[in-house]
All heavy atoms as atom14 arrays in JSON, in Angstrom:
{
  "sequence": "RDEKEFNPLETLKNSPPSFSFHKKIWSWFYESLKEFHQNKL",
  "atom14_mask": [
    [1, 1, 1, 1, 1, 1, 1, 1, 1, 1, 1, 0, 0, 0],
    [1, 1, 1, 1, 1, 1, 1, 1, 0, 0, 0, 0, 0, 0],
    [1, 1, 1, 1, 1, 1, 1, 1, 1, 0, 0, 0, 0, 0],
    [1, 1, 1, 1, 1, 1, 1, 1, 1, 0, 0, 0, 0, 0],
    [1, 1, 1, 1, 1, 1, 1, 1, 1, 0, 0, 0, 0, 0],
    [1, 1, 1, 1, 1, 1, 1, 1, 1, 1, 1, 0, 0, 0],
    [1, 1, 1, 1, 1, 1, 1, 1, 0, 0, 0, 0, 0, 0],
    [1, 1, 1, 1, 1, 1, 1, 0, 0, 0, 0, 0, 0, 0],
    [1, 1, 1, 1, 1, 1, 1, 1, 0, 0, 0, 0, 0, 0],
    [1, 1, 1, 1, 1, 1, 1, 1, 1, 0, 0, 0, 0, 0],
    [1, 1, 1, 1, 1, 1, 1, 0, 0, 0, 0, 0, 0, 0],
    [1, 1, 1, 1, 1, 1, 1, 1, 0, 0, 0, 0, 0, 0],
    [1, 1, 1, 1, 1, 1, 1, 1, 1, 0, 0, 0, 0, 0],
    [1, 1, 1, 1, 1, 1, 1, 1, 0, 0, 0, 0, 0, 0],
    [1, 1, 1, 1, 1, 1, 0, 0, 0, 0, 0, 0, 0, 0],
    [1, 1, 1, 1, 1, 1, 1, 0, 0, 0, 0, 0, 0, 0],
    [1, 1, 1, 1, 1, 1, 1, 0, 0, 0, 0, 0, 0, 0],
    [1, 1, 1, 1, 1, 1, 0, 0, 0, 0, 0, 0, 0, 0],
    [1, 1, 1, 1, 1, 1, 1, 1, 1, 1, 1, 0, 0, 0],
    [1, 1, 1, 1, 1, 1, 0, 0, 0, 0, 0, 0, 0, 0],
    [1, 1, 1, 1, 1, 1, 1, 1, 1, 1, 1, 0, 0, 0],
    [1, 1, 1, 1, 1, 1, 1, 1, 1, 1, 0, 0, 0, 0],
    [1, 1, 1, 1, 1, 1, 1, 1, 1, 0, 0, 0, 0, 0],
    [1, 1, 1, 1, 1, 1, 1, 1, 1, 0, 0, 0, 0, 0],
    [1, 1, 1, 1, 1, 1, 1, 1, 0, 0, 0, 0, 0, 0],
    [1, 1, 1, 1, 1, 1, 1, 1, 1, 1, 1, 1, 1, 1],
    [1, 1, 1, 1, 1, 1, 0, 0, 0, 0, 0, 0, 0, 0],
    [1, 1, 1, 1, 1, 1, 1, 1, 1, 1, 1, 1, 1, 1],
    [1, 1, 1, 1, 1, 1, 1, 1, 1, 1, 1, 0, 0, 0],
    [1, 1, 1, 1, 1, 1, 1, 1, 1, 1, 1, 1, 0, 0],
    [1, 1, 1, 1, 1, 1, 1, 1, 1, 0, 0, 0, 0, 0],
    [1, 1, 1, 1, 1, 1, 0, 0, 0, 0, 0, 0, 0, 0],
    [1, 1, 1, 1, 1, 1, 1, 1, 0, 0, 0, 0, 0, 0],
    [1, 1, 1, 1, 1, 1, 1, 1, 1, 0, 0, 0, 0, 0],
    [1, 1, 1, 1, 1, 1, 1, 1, 1, 0, 0, 0, 0, 0],
    [1, 1, 1, 1, 1, 1, 1, 1, 1, 1, 1, 0, 0, 0],
    [1, 1, 1, 1, 1, 1, 1, 1, 1, 1, 0, 0, 0, 0],
    [1, 1, 1, 1, 1, 1, 1, 1, 1, 0, 0, 0, 0, 0],
    [1, 1, 1, 1, 1, 1, 1, 1, 0, 0, 0, 0, 0, 0],
    [1, 1, 1, 1, 1, 1, 1, 1, 1, 0, 0, 0, 0, 0],
    [1, 1, 1, 1, 1, 1, 1, 1, 0, 0, 0, 0, 0, 0]
  ],
  "atom14_positions": [
    [[38.07, -47.03, -31.11], [38.44, -48.19, -30.28], [37.36, -48.54, -29.27], [37.4, -49.62, -28.67], [39.75, -47.9, -29.55], [40.95, -47.69, -30.45], [42.22, -47.56, -29.63], [42.14, -46.42, -28.71], [42.49, -45.18, -29.03], [42.92, -44.91, -30.26], [42.41, -44.21, -28.13], [0.0, 0.0, 0.0], [0.0, 0.0, 0.0], [0.0, 0.0, 0.0]],
    [[36.4, -47.62, -29.06], [35.38, -47.85, -28.04], [34.46, -49.0, -28.44], [34.11, -49.15, -29.62], [34.53, -46.59, -27.84], [35.32, -45.47, -27.17], [36.41, -45.75, -26.66], [34.83, -44.32, -27.19], [0.0, 0.0, 0.0], [0.0, 0.0, 0.0], [0.0, 0.0, 0.0], [0.0, 0.0, 0.0], [0.0, 0.0, 0.0], [0.0, 0.0, 0.0]],
    [[34.09, -49.8, -27.46], [33.13, -50.88, -27.69], [31.76, -50.56, -27.1], [30.76, -51.12, -27.53], [33.66, -52.18, -27.08], [34.95, -52.68, -27.73], [35.43, -53.98, -27.14], [34.77, -54.48, -26.2], [36.45, -54.51, -27.62], [0.0, 0.0, 0.0], [0.0, 0.0, 0.0], [0.0, 0.0, 0.0], [0.0, 0.0, 0.0], [0.0, 0.0, 0.0]],
    [[31.75, -49.64, -26.12], [30.51, -49.31, -25.44], [30.13, -47.85, -25.72], [30.96, -46.95, -25.61], [30.66, -49.52, -23.93], [29.39, -49.27, -23.14], [29.61, -49.52, -21.66], [28.33, -49.25, -20.87], [28.54, -49.46, -19.4], [0.0, 0.0, 0.0], [0.0, 0.0, 0.0], [0.0, 0.0, 0.0], [0.0, 0.0, 0.0], [0.0, 0.0, 0.0]],
    [[28.87, -47.63, -26.07], [28.39, -46.28, -26.31], [28.12, -45.58, -24.98], [27.95, -46.22, -23.94], [27.12, -46.32, -27.16], [27.34, -46.85, -28.56], [26.09, -46.79, -29.41], [24.98, -46.79, -28.82], [26.22, -46.74, -30.65], [0.0, 0.0, 0.0], [0.0, 0.0, 0.0], [0.0, 0.0, 0.0], [0.0, 0.0, 0.0], [0.0, 0.0, 0.0]],
    [[28.11, -44.24, -25.03], [27.81, -43.47, -23.83], [26.65, -42.52, -24.11], [26.37, -42.17, -25.26], [29.04, -42.7, -23.34], [29.34, -41.46, -24.16], [28.98, -40.2, -23.69], [29.99, -41.54, -25.39], [29.26, -39.06, -24.42], [30.27, -40.4, -26.13], [29.9, -39.16, -25.65], [0.0, 0.0, 0.0], [0.0, 0.0, 0.0], [0.0, 0.0, 0.0]],
    [[25.97, -42.1, -23.05], [24.86, -41.17, -23.14], [25.33, -39.82, -22.56], [25.7, -39.76, -21.38], [23.66, -41.7, -22.37], [22.55, -40.67, -22.26], [22.28, -40.15, -21.18], [21.9, -40.36, -23.36], [0.0, 0.0, 0.0], [0.0, 0.0, 0.0], [0.0, 0.0, 0.0], [0.0, 0.0, 0.0], [0.0, 0.0, 0.0], [0.0, 0.0, 0.0]],
    [[25.34, -38.73, -23.34], [25.84, -37.44, -22.84], [25.1, -36.94, -21.6], [25.72, -36.4, -20.68], [25.63, -36.5, -24.04], [25.66, -37.4, -25.23], [25.03, -38.68, -24.79], [0.0, 0.0, 0.0], [0.0, 0.0, 0.0], [0.0, 0.0, 0.0], [0.0, 0.0, 0.0], [0.0, 0.0, 0.0], [0.0, 0.0, 0.0], [0.0, 0.0, 0.0]],
    [[23.76, -37.14, -21.56], [23.0, -36.68, -20.41], [23.44, -37.41, -19.14], [23.63, -36.8, -18.08], [21.51, -36.89, -20.66], [20.56, -36.52, -19.52], [20.7, -35.05, -19.15], [19.11, -36.85, -19.89], [0.0, 0.0, 0.0], [0.0, 0.0, 0.0], [0.0, 0.0, 0.0], [0.0, 0.0, 0.0], [0.0, 0.0, 0.0], [0.0, 0.0, 0.0]],
    [[23.62, -38.7, -19.26], [24.08, -39.49, -18.11], [25.47, -39.04, -17.68], [25.77, -38.97, -16.47], [24.08, -40.97, -18.48], [24.48, -41.89, -17.34], [24.45, -43.35, -17.75], [23.78, -43.67, -18.75], [25.13, -44.16, -17.09], [0.0, 0.0, 0.0], [0.0, 0.0, 0.0], [0.0, 0.0, 0.0], [0.0, 0.0, 0.0], [0.0, 0.0, 0.0]],
    [[26.32, -38.72, -18.64], [27.67, -38.25, -18.32], [27.62, -36.95, -17.54], [28.35, -36.77, -16.55], [28.49, -38.04, -19.61], [28.58, -39.29, -20.32], [29.89, -37.55, -19.3], [0.0, 0.0, 0.0], [0.0, 0.0, 0.0], [0.0, 0.0, 0.0], [0.0, 0.0, 0.0], [0.0, 0.0, 0.0], [0.0, 0.0, 0.0], [0.0, 0.0, 0.0]],
    [[26.74, -36.02, -17.95], [26.59, -34.76, -17.21], [26.1, -35.02, -15.8], [26.6, -34.43, -14.83], [25.62, -33.83, -17.94], [26.04, -33.29, -19.31], [24.96, -32.34, -19.85], [27.38, -32.58, -19.25], [0.0, 0.0, 0.0], [0.0, 0.0, 0.0], [0.0, 0.0, 0.0], [0.0, 0.0, 0.0], [0.0, 0.0, 0.0], [0.0, 0.0, 0.0]],
    [[25.11, -35.89, -15.66], [24.54, -36.17, -14.33], [25.55, -36.85, -13.41], [25.5, -36.66, -12.19], [23.29, -37.03, -14.48], [22.1, -36.28, -15.06], [20.86, -37.16, -15.12], [19.64, -36.35, -15.56], [18.41, -37.18, -15.62], [0.0, 0.0, 0.0], [0.0, 0.0, 0.0], [0.0, 0.0, 0.0], [0.0, 0.0, 0.0], [0.0, 0.0, 0.0]],
    [[26.46, -37.62, -14.0], [27.46, -38.33, -13.19], [28.71, -37.5, -12.94], [29.68, -38.0, -12.35], [27.84, -39.65, -13.87], [26.72, -40.66, -13.84], [25.83, -40.59, -12.99], [26.72, -41.6, -14.79], [0.0, 0.0, 0.0], [0.0, 0.0, 0.0], [0.0, 0.0, 0.0], [0.0, 0.0, 0.0], [0.0, 0.0, 0.0], [0.0, 0.0, 0.0]],
    [[28.71, -36.24, -13.41], [29.88, -35.36, -13.25], [29.44, -34.03, -12.66], [29.46, -33.0, -13.32], [30.57, -35.14, -14.6], [30.9, -36.36, -15.22], [0.0, 0.0, 0.0], [0.0, 0.0, 0.0], [0.0, 0.0, 0.0], [0.0, 0.0, 0.0], [0.0, 0.0, 0.0], [0.0, 0.0, 0.0], [0.0, 0.0, 0.0], [0.0, 0.0, 0.0]],
    [[29.01, -34.03, -11.39], [28.53, -32.78, -10.77], [29.61, -31.7, -10.83], [30.8, -32.0, -10.73], [28.24, -33.19, -9.33], [28.07, -34.68, -9.37], [28.99, -35.15, -10.46], [0.0, 0.0, 0.0], [0.0, 0.0, 0.0], [0.0, 0.0, 0.0], [0.0, 0.0, 0.0], [0.0, 0.0, 0.0], [0.0, 0.0, 0.0], [0.0, 0.0, 0.0]],
    [[29.19, -30.4, -11.03], [27.81, -29.93, -11.12], [27.34, -29.74, -12.56], [26.56, -28.83, -12.85], [27.9, -28.57, -10.42], [29.24, -28.04, -10.88], [30.14, -29.25, -10.99], [0.0, 0.0, 0.0], [0.0, 0.0, 0.0], [0.0, 0.0, 0.0], [0.0, 0.0, 0.0], [0.0, 0.0, 0.0], [0.0, 0.0, 0.0], [0.0, 0.0, 0.0]],
    [[27.8, -30.59, -13.49], [27.61, -30.35, -14.92], [26.14, -30.25, -15.31], [25.74, -29.34, -16.06], [28.28, -31.47, -15.73], [29.64, -31.58, -15.38], [0.0, 0.0, 0.0], [0.0, 0.0, 0.0], [0.0, 0.0, 0.0], [0.0, 0.0, 0.0], [0.0, 0.0, 0.0], [0.0, 0.0, 0.0], [0.0, 0.0, 0.0], [0.0, 0.0, 0.0]],
    [[25.31, -31.17, -14.82], [23.89, -31.15, -15.2], [23.2, -29.91, -14.64], [22.49, -29.2, -15.36], [23.21, -32.42, -14.69], [21.74, -32.48, -15.01], [21.29, -32.59, -16.31], [20.79, -32.43, -13.99], [19.94, -32.63, -16.61], [19.44, -32.48, -14.26], [19.0, -32.57, -15.58], [0.0, 0.0, 0.0], [0.0, 0.0, 0.0], [0.0, 0.0, 0.0]],
    [[23.42, -29.61, -13.36], [22.78, -28.44, -12.77], [23.32, -27.15, -13.38], [22.59, -26.15, -13.49], [23.0, -28.42, -11.25], [24.36, -28.4, -10.92], [0.0, 0.0, 0.0], [0.0, 0.0, 0.0], [0.0, 0.0, 0.0], [0.0, 0.0, 0.0], [0.0, 0.0, 0.0], [0.0, 0.0, 0.0], [0.0, 0.0, 0.0], [0.0, 0.0, 0.0]],
    [[24.57, -27.14, -13.82], [25.16, -25.98, -14.49], [24.41, -25.67, -15.78], [24.06, -24.52, -16.06], [26.64, -26.24, -14.77], [27.35, -25.11, -15.45], [27.73, -23.99, -14.74], [27.67, -25.18, -16.8], [28.41, -22.94, -15.37], [28.35, -24.16, -17.44], [28.72, -23.03, -16.71], [0.0, 0.0, 0.0], [0.0, 0.0, 0.0], [0.0, 0.0, 0.0]],
    [[24.15, -26.69, -16.58], [23.42, -26.5, -17.84], [21.98, -26.03, -17.57], [21.47, -25.12, -18.24], [23.42, -27.79, -18.65], [24.71, -28.05, -19.37], [25.86, -28.43, -18.71], [25.03, -27.97, -20.68], [26.84, -28.57, -19.6], [26.36, -28.3, -20.8], [0.0, 0.0, 0.0], [0.0, 0.0, 0.0], [0.0, 0.0, 0.0], [0.0, 0.0, 0.0]],
    [[21.33, -26.65, -16.61], [19.96, -26.25, -16.29], [19.91, -24.8, -15.79], [18.98, -24.06, -16.11], [19.36, -27.18, -15.24], [19.01, -28.56, -15.74], [18.15, -29.33, -14.74], [16.76, -28.74, -14.65], [15.87, -29.56, -13.77], [0.0, 0.0, 0.0], [0.0, 0.0, 0.0], [0.0, 0.0, 0.0], [0.0, 0.0, 0.0], [0.0, 0.0, 0.0]],
    [[20.93, -24.41, -15.02], [20.94, -23.07, -14.46], [21.08, -22.01, -15.54], [20.49, -20.92, -15.43], [22.08, -22.94, -13.44], [22.13, -21.6, -12.73], [20.88, -21.36, -11.89], [20.97, -20.04, -11.14], [19.76, -19.77, -10.33], [0.0, 0.0, 0.0], [0.0, 0.0, 0.0], [0.0, 0.0, 0.0], [0.0, 0.0, 0.0], [0.0, 0.0, 0.0]],
    [[21.84, -22.29, -16.57], [21.98, -21.32, -17.66], [20.61, -21.0, -18.23], [20.25, -19.82, -18.42], [22.91, -21.87, -18.76], [24.35, -21.89, -18.26], [22.81, -21.03, -20.04], [25.32, -22.56, -19.22], [0.0, 0.0, 0.0], [0.0, 0.0, 0.0], [0.0, 0.0, 0.0], [0.0, 0.0, 0.0], [0.0, 0.0, 0.0], [0.0, 0.0, 0.0]],
    [[19.79, -22.02, -18.49], [18.48, -21.8, -19.1], [17.48, -21.21, -18.12], [16.68, -20.35, -18.49], [17.96, -23.09, -19.71], [18.74, -23.48, -20.93], [19.51, -24.6, -21.1], [18.86, -22.73, -22.13], [20.09, -24.59, -22.34], [19.71, -23.46, -23.0], [18.34, -21.51, -22.58], [20.06, -23.01, -24.28], [18.67, -21.06, -23.85], [19.51, -21.8, -24.68]],
    [[17.51, -21.63, -16.86], [16.58, -21.05, -15.9], [16.92, -19.6, -15.63], [16.04, -18.74, -15.52], [16.57, -21.86, -14.6], [17.82, -21.83, -13.96], [0.0, 0.0, 0.0], [0.0, 0.0, 0.0], [0.0, 0.0, 0.0], [0.0, 0.0, 0.0], [0.0, 0.0, 0.0], [0.0, 0.0, 0.0], [0.0, 0.0, 0.0], [0.0, 0.0, 0.0]],
    [[18.22, -19.29, -15.54], [18.64, -17.89, -15.36], [18.18, -17.03, -16.52], [17.64, -15.93, -16.33], [20.16, -17.8, -15.22], [20.67, -16.4, -15.43], [20.7, -15.39, -14.53], [21.21, -15.87, -16.66], [21.21, -14.24, -15.11], [21.54, -14.51, -16.41], [21.45, -16.39, -17.92], [22.09, -13.68, -17.39], [21.99, -15.57, -18.9], [22.31, -14.23, -18.62]],
    [[18.38, -17.52, -17.73], [18.04, -16.71, -18.89], [16.54, -16.48, -18.98], [16.08, -15.36, -19.25], [18.57, -17.37, -20.17], [18.45, -16.49, -21.39], [19.11, -15.28, -21.45], [17.67, -16.88, -22.47], [19.0, -14.46, -22.57], [17.55, -16.08, -23.58], [18.22, -14.86, -23.64], [0.0, 0.0, 0.0], [0.0, 0.0, 0.0], [0.0, 0.0, 0.0]],
    [[15.75, -17.52, -18.7], [14.3, -17.33, -18.8], [13.79, -16.43, -17.68], [12.89, -15.6, -17.9], [13.56, -18.66, -18.8], [12.15, -18.51, -19.34], [11.94, -17.98, -20.6], [11.04, -18.88, -18.59], [10.67, -17.82, -21.11], [9.75, -18.72, -19.1], [9.58, -18.19, -20.36], [8.31, -18.01, -20.86], [0.0, 0.0, 0.0], [0.0, 0.0, 0.0]],
    [[14.34, -16.56, -16.49], [13.95, -15.66, -15.41], [14.32, -14.23, -15.74], [13.58, -13.29, -15.4], [14.61, -16.09, -14.09], [14.03, -17.36, -13.49], [12.54, -17.25, -13.2], [12.12, -16.2, -12.65], [11.8, -18.19, -13.54], [0.0, 0.0, 0.0], [0.0, 0.0, 0.0], [0.0, 0.0, 0.0], [0.0, 0.0, 0.0], [0.0, 0.0, 0.0]],
    [[15.44, -14.03, -16.41], [15.84, -12.68, -16.83], [14.86, -12.12, -17.86], [14.51, -10.93, -17.82], [17.26, -12.71, -17.42], [18.2, -13.15, -16.46], [0.0, 0.0, 0.0], [0.0, 0.0, 0.0], [0.0, 0.0, 0.0], [0.0, 0.0, 0.0], [0.0, 0.0, 0.0], [0.0, 0.0, 0.0], [0.0, 0.0, 0.0], [0.0, 0.0, 0.0]],
    [[14.41, -12.97, -18.79], [13.4, -12.54, -19.77], [12.11, -12.12, -19.07], [11.52, -11.07, -19.37], [13.11, -13.66, -20.75], [14.21, -14.11, -21.73], [13.76, -15.32, -22.5], [14.58, -12.99, -22.68], [0.0, 0.0, 0.0], [0.0, 0.0, 0.0], [0.0, 0.0, 0.0], [0.0, 0.0, 0.0], [0.0, 0.0, 0.0], [0.0, 0.0, 0.0]],
    [[11.66, -12.94, -18.13], [10.4, -12.66, -17.43], [10.51, -11.37, -16.6], [9.58, -10.56, -16.58], [10.01, -13.84, -16.55], [9.58, -15.07, -17.32], [8.85, -16.08, -16.44], [9.77, -16.73, -15.45], [9.09, -17.81, -14.69], [0.0, 0.0, 0.0], [0.0, 0.0, 0.0], [0.0, 0.0, 0.0], [0.0, 0.0, 0.0], [0.0, 0.0, 0.0]],
    [[11.64, -11.21, -15.92], [11.83, -10.01, -15.11], [11.84, -8.76, -15.98], [11.22, -7.75, -15.64], [13.13, -10.11, -14.32], [13.4, -8.91, -13.42], [14.71, -9.02, -12.67], [15.44, -10.02, -12.88], [15.01, -8.11, -11.88], [0.0, 0.0, 0.0], [0.0, 0.0, 0.0], [0.0, 0.0, 0.0], [0.0, 0.0, 0.0], [0.0, 0.0, 0.0]],
    [[12.54, -8.83, -17.11], [12.57, -7.68, -18.01], [11.18, -7.37, -18.54], [10.75, -6.21, -18.62], [13.54, -7.95, -19.17], [13.71, -6.76, -20.09], [14.63, -5.77, -19.79], [12.93, -6.62, -21.24], [14.79, -4.66, -20.63], [13.07, -5.52, -22.07], [14.0, -4.54, -21.76], [0.0, 0.0, 0.0], [0.0, 0.0, 0.0], [0.0, 0.0, 0.0]],
    [[10.44, -8.43, -18.9], [9.08, -8.27, -19.41], [8.17, -7.61, -18.38], [7.43, -6.66, -18.7], [8.53, -9.64, -19.8], [7.11, -9.64, -20.25], [6.73, -9.19, -21.49], [5.97, -10.02, -19.62], [5.42, -9.31, -21.62], [4.94, -9.8, -20.49], [0.0, 0.0, 0.0], [0.0, 0.0, 0.0], [0.0, 0.0, 0.0], [0.0, 0.0, 0.0]],
    [[8.23, -8.08, -17.16], [7.37, -7.52, -16.11], [7.71, -6.07, -15.82], [6.81, -5.23, -15.64], [7.52, -8.38, -14.85], [6.9, -9.76, -14.98], [7.39, -10.74, -13.94], [8.2, -10.39, -13.06], [6.92, -11.99, -14.02], [0.0, 0.0, 0.0], [0.0, 0.0, 0.0], [0.0, 0.0, 0.0], [0.0, 0.0, 0.0], [0.0, 0.0, 0.0]],
    [[8.99, -5.73, -15.78], [9.38, -4.34, -15.52], [8.97, -3.43, -16.68], [8.6, -2.28, -16.45], [10.89, -4.27, -15.29], [11.3, -4.86, -13.96], [10.5, -4.9, -13.02], [12.53, -5.33, -13.87], [0.0, 0.0, 0.0], [0.0, 0.0, 0.0], [0.0, 0.0, 0.0], [0.0, 0.0, 0.0], [0.0, 0.0, 0.0], [0.0, 0.0, 0.0]],
    [[9.03, -3.96, -17.89], [8.61, -3.15, -19.04], [7.11, -2.86, -18.98], [6.69, -1.73, -19.27], [8.96, -3.9, -20.34], [8.67, -3.1, -21.62], [9.32, -3.73, -22.82], [8.74, -5.08, -23.16], [9.3, -5.63, -24.42], [0.0, 0.0, 0.0], [0.0, 0.0, 0.0], [0.0, 0.0, 0.0], [0.0, 0.0, 0.0], [0.0, 0.0, 0.0]],
    [[6.32, -3.84, -18.57], [4.88, -3.61, -18.43], [4.6, -2.57, -17.35], [3.72, -1.71, -17.51], [4.18, -4.93, -18.09], [4.09, -5.98, -19.2], [3.34, -7.2, -18.68], [3.4, -5.42, -20.43], [0.0, 0.0, 0.0], [0.0, 0.0, 0.0], [0.0, 0.0, 0.0], [0.0, 0.0, 0.0], [0.0, 0.0, 0.0], [0.0, 0.0, 0.0]]
  ]
}
């Protein structure tokens, strides 16, 4: 029934904290990888 399309990224940005939540998952995971790597060295 929809006549207008939507953009998922815009929807996340317009629904705080959805966009920052997604970004945080990836930044947390990569920081965890780097920390583990540095401690292993």
